[in-house]
Structure formats: structure tokens, C-alpha cells
Amino acid sequence: MGPDEDQQLAKRARMVALVVAATMLLWIGAQFLGRKIGLEARFAFLFDLAALAGFFWAAYVAIQIWRRRRED
């Protein structure tokens, strides 16, 4: 693995960390605001599904990074 590929993997790892943190903050905020303004439960499930999509994407990319590093 060359330095360019190493930097690219590091950039992707930072992106995964940012997506996980932002997803968690947005999900918590959406749950809080939803409860405050009295949104129906079906909207809470929409927020949950959106958060799950973000977490599954982050897990998928993290596994790709892990596999590439393991190959060397």
C-alpha cells in the first residue's frame, strides 16, 4: 500500500467518523424535536430508518477500509 492509498483510506475513515457523529446528533435532535412538537410515531420511525441507513452505510465503508488494510 502506497502513501497515496494510505491517505485515501485515512480520508475515508474520517468521513465515516463524521457520518456516524452527524447521524447520531441529527437522530437525537429529531427525536427531541419530534417529541416537543408532538409529531406522530410514524415520523419517529422515519427518523429511525434514516439513522439506520446512515449507520449501515458507515459500517459498510468501515468494513471496506478494514479489508483493504488487512490485505497488506
C-alpha atoms as a PDB file:
ATOM      1  CA  MET A   1       0.000   0.000   0.000  1.00  0.00           C
ATOM      2  CA  GLY A   2       1.466   3.304  -1.076  1.00  0.00           C
ATOM      3  CA  PRO A   3       1.272   6.621   0.712  1.00  0.00           C
ATOM      4  CA  ASP A   4      -1.438   7.859  -1.663  1.00  0.00           C
ATOM      5  CA  GLU A   5      -3.690   4.904  -0.942  1.00  0.00           C
ATOM      6  CA  ASP A   6      -2.961   5.234   2.768  1.00  0.00           C
ATOM      7  CA  GLN A   7      -4.044   8.880   2.691  1.00  0.00           C
ATOM      8  CA  GLN A   8      -7.178   7.962   0.744  1.00  0.00           C
ATOM      9  CA  LEU A   9      -8.113   5.332   3.341  1.00  0.00           C
ATOM     10  CA  ALA A  10      -7.486   7.816   6.144  1.00  0.00           C
ATOM     11  CA  LYS A  11      -9.749  10.335   4.403  1.00  0.00           C
ATOM     12  CA  ARG A  12     -12.499   7.729   4.070  1.00  0.00           C
ATOM     13  CA  ALA A  13     -12.097   6.767   7.739  1.00  0.00           C
ATOM     14  CA  ARG A  14     -12.520  10.422   8.767  1.00  0.00           C
ATOM     15  CA  MET A  15     -15.619  10.628   6.578  1.00  0.00           C
ATOM     16  CA  VAL A  16     -17.063   7.536   8.267  1.00  0.00           C
ATOM     17  CA  ALA A  17     -16.422   9.067  11.691  1.00  0.00           C
ATOM     18  CA  LEU A  18     -18.107  12.317  10.667  1.00  0.00           C
ATOM     19  CA  VAL A  19     -21.119  10.490   9.226  1.00  0.00           C
ATOM     20  CA  VAL A  20     -21.556   8.441  12.406  1.00  0.00           C
ATOM     21  CA  ALA A  21     -21.286  11.516  14.630  1.00  0.00           C
ATOM     22  CA  ALA A  22     -23.588  13.648  12.454  1.00  0.00           C
ATOM     23  CA  THR A  23     -26.140  10.848  12.106  1.00  0.00           C
ATOM     24  CA  MET A  24     -26.245  10.355  15.853  1.00  0.00           C
ATOM     25  CA  LEU A  25     -26.605  14.078  16.585  1.00  0.00           C
ATOM     26  CA  LEU A  26     -29.292  14.557  13.936  1.00  0.00           C
ATOM     27  CA  TRP A  27     -31.184  11.482  15.125  1.00  0.00           C
ATOM     28  CA  ILE A  28     -31.142  12.631  18.756  1.00  0.00           C
ATOM     29  CA  GLY A  29     -32.189  16.123  17.690  1.00  0.00           C
ATOM     30  CA  ALA A  30     -35.007  14.798  15.523  1.00  0.00           C
ATOM     31  CA  GLN A  31     -36.298  12.618  18.362  1.00  0.00           C
ATOM     32  CA  PHE A  32     -36.178  15.519  20.789  1.00  0.00           C
ATOM     33  CA  LEU A  33     -37.875  17.986  18.446  1.00  0.00           C
ATOM     34  CA  GLY A  34     -40.425  15.422  17.351  1.00  0.00           C
ATOM     35  CA  ARG A  35     -41.449  14.848  20.945  1.00  0.00           C
ATOM     36  CA  LYS A  36     -41.539  18.587  21.692  1.00  0.00           C
ATOM     37  CA  ILE A  37     -43.799  19.487  18.757  1.00  0.00           C
ATOM     38  CA  GLY A  38     -45.910  16.360  19.047  1.00  0.00           C
ATOM     39  CA  LEU A  39     -45.129  14.547  15.793  1.00  0.00           C
ATOM     40  CA  GLU A  40     -46.790  11.214  15.232  1.00  0.00           C
ATOM     41  CA  ALA A  41     -44.925   7.982  15.871  1.00  0.00           C
ATOM     42  CA  ARG A  42     -44.676   7.204  12.152  1.00  0.00           C
ATOM     43  CA  PHE A  43     -42.383  10.219  11.740  1.00  0.00           C
ATOM     44  CA  ALA A  44     -40.206   8.950  14.573  1.00  0.00           C
ATOM     45  CA  PHE A  45     -39.858   5.686  12.659  1.00  0.00           C
ATOM     46  CA  LEU A  46     -38.835   7.653   9.573  1.00  0.00           C
ATOM     47  CA  PHE A  47     -36.068   9.328  11.579  1.00  0.00           C
ATOM     48  CA  ASP A  48     -35.041   5.918  12.896  1.00  0.00           C
ATOM     49  CA  LEU A  49     -34.872   4.452   9.402  1.00  0.00           C
ATOM     50  CA  ALA A  50     -32.831   7.384   8.124  1.00  0.00           C
ATOM     51  CA  ALA A  51     -30.398   6.961  11.025  1.00  0.00           C
ATOM     52  CA  LEU A  52     -30.151   3.227  10.362  1.00  0.00           C
ATOM     53  CA  ALA A  53     -29.340   3.925   6.723  1.00  0.00           C
ATOM     54  CA  GLY A  54     -26.512   6.234   7.789  1.00  0.00           C
ATOM     55  CA  PHE A  55     -25.148   3.690  10.253  1.00  0.00           C
ATOM     56  CA  PHE A  56     -25.341   0.813   7.753  1.00  0.00           C
ATOM     57  CA  TRP A  57     -23.507   2.895   5.158  1.00  0.00           C
ATOM     58  CA  ALA A  58     -20.813   3.782   7.686  1.00  0.00           C
ATOM     59  CA  ALA A  59     -20.442   0.120   8.687  1.00  0.00           C
ATOM     60  CA  TYR A  60     -20.166  -0.920   5.033  1.00  0.00           C
ATOM     61  CA  VAL A  61     -17.430   1.623   4.318  1.00  0.00           C
ATOM     62  CA  ALA A  62     -15.619   0.782   7.568  1.00  0.00           C
ATOM     63  CA  ILE A  63     -15.557  -2.897   6.586  1.00  0.00           C
ATOM     64  CA  GLN A  64     -14.151  -1.956   3.176  1.00  0.00           C
ATOM     65  CA  ILE A  65     -11.392   0.057   4.858  1.00  0.00           C
ATOM     66  CA  TRP A  66     -10.650  -2.792   7.246  1.00  0.00           C
ATOM     67  CA  ARG A  67     -10.392  -5.301   4.375  1.00  0.00           C
ATOM     68  CA  ARG A  68      -8.045  -3.096   2.371  1.00  0.00           C
ATOM     69  CA  ARG A  69      -5.751  -2.587   5.344  1.00  0.00           C
ATOM     70  CA  ARG A  70      -5.835  -6.311   6.090  1.00  0.00           C
ATOM     71  CA  GLU A  71      -4.737  -7.182   2.545  1.00  0.00           C
ATOM     72  CA  ASP A  72      -1.312  -5.675   3.155  1.00  0.00           C
END
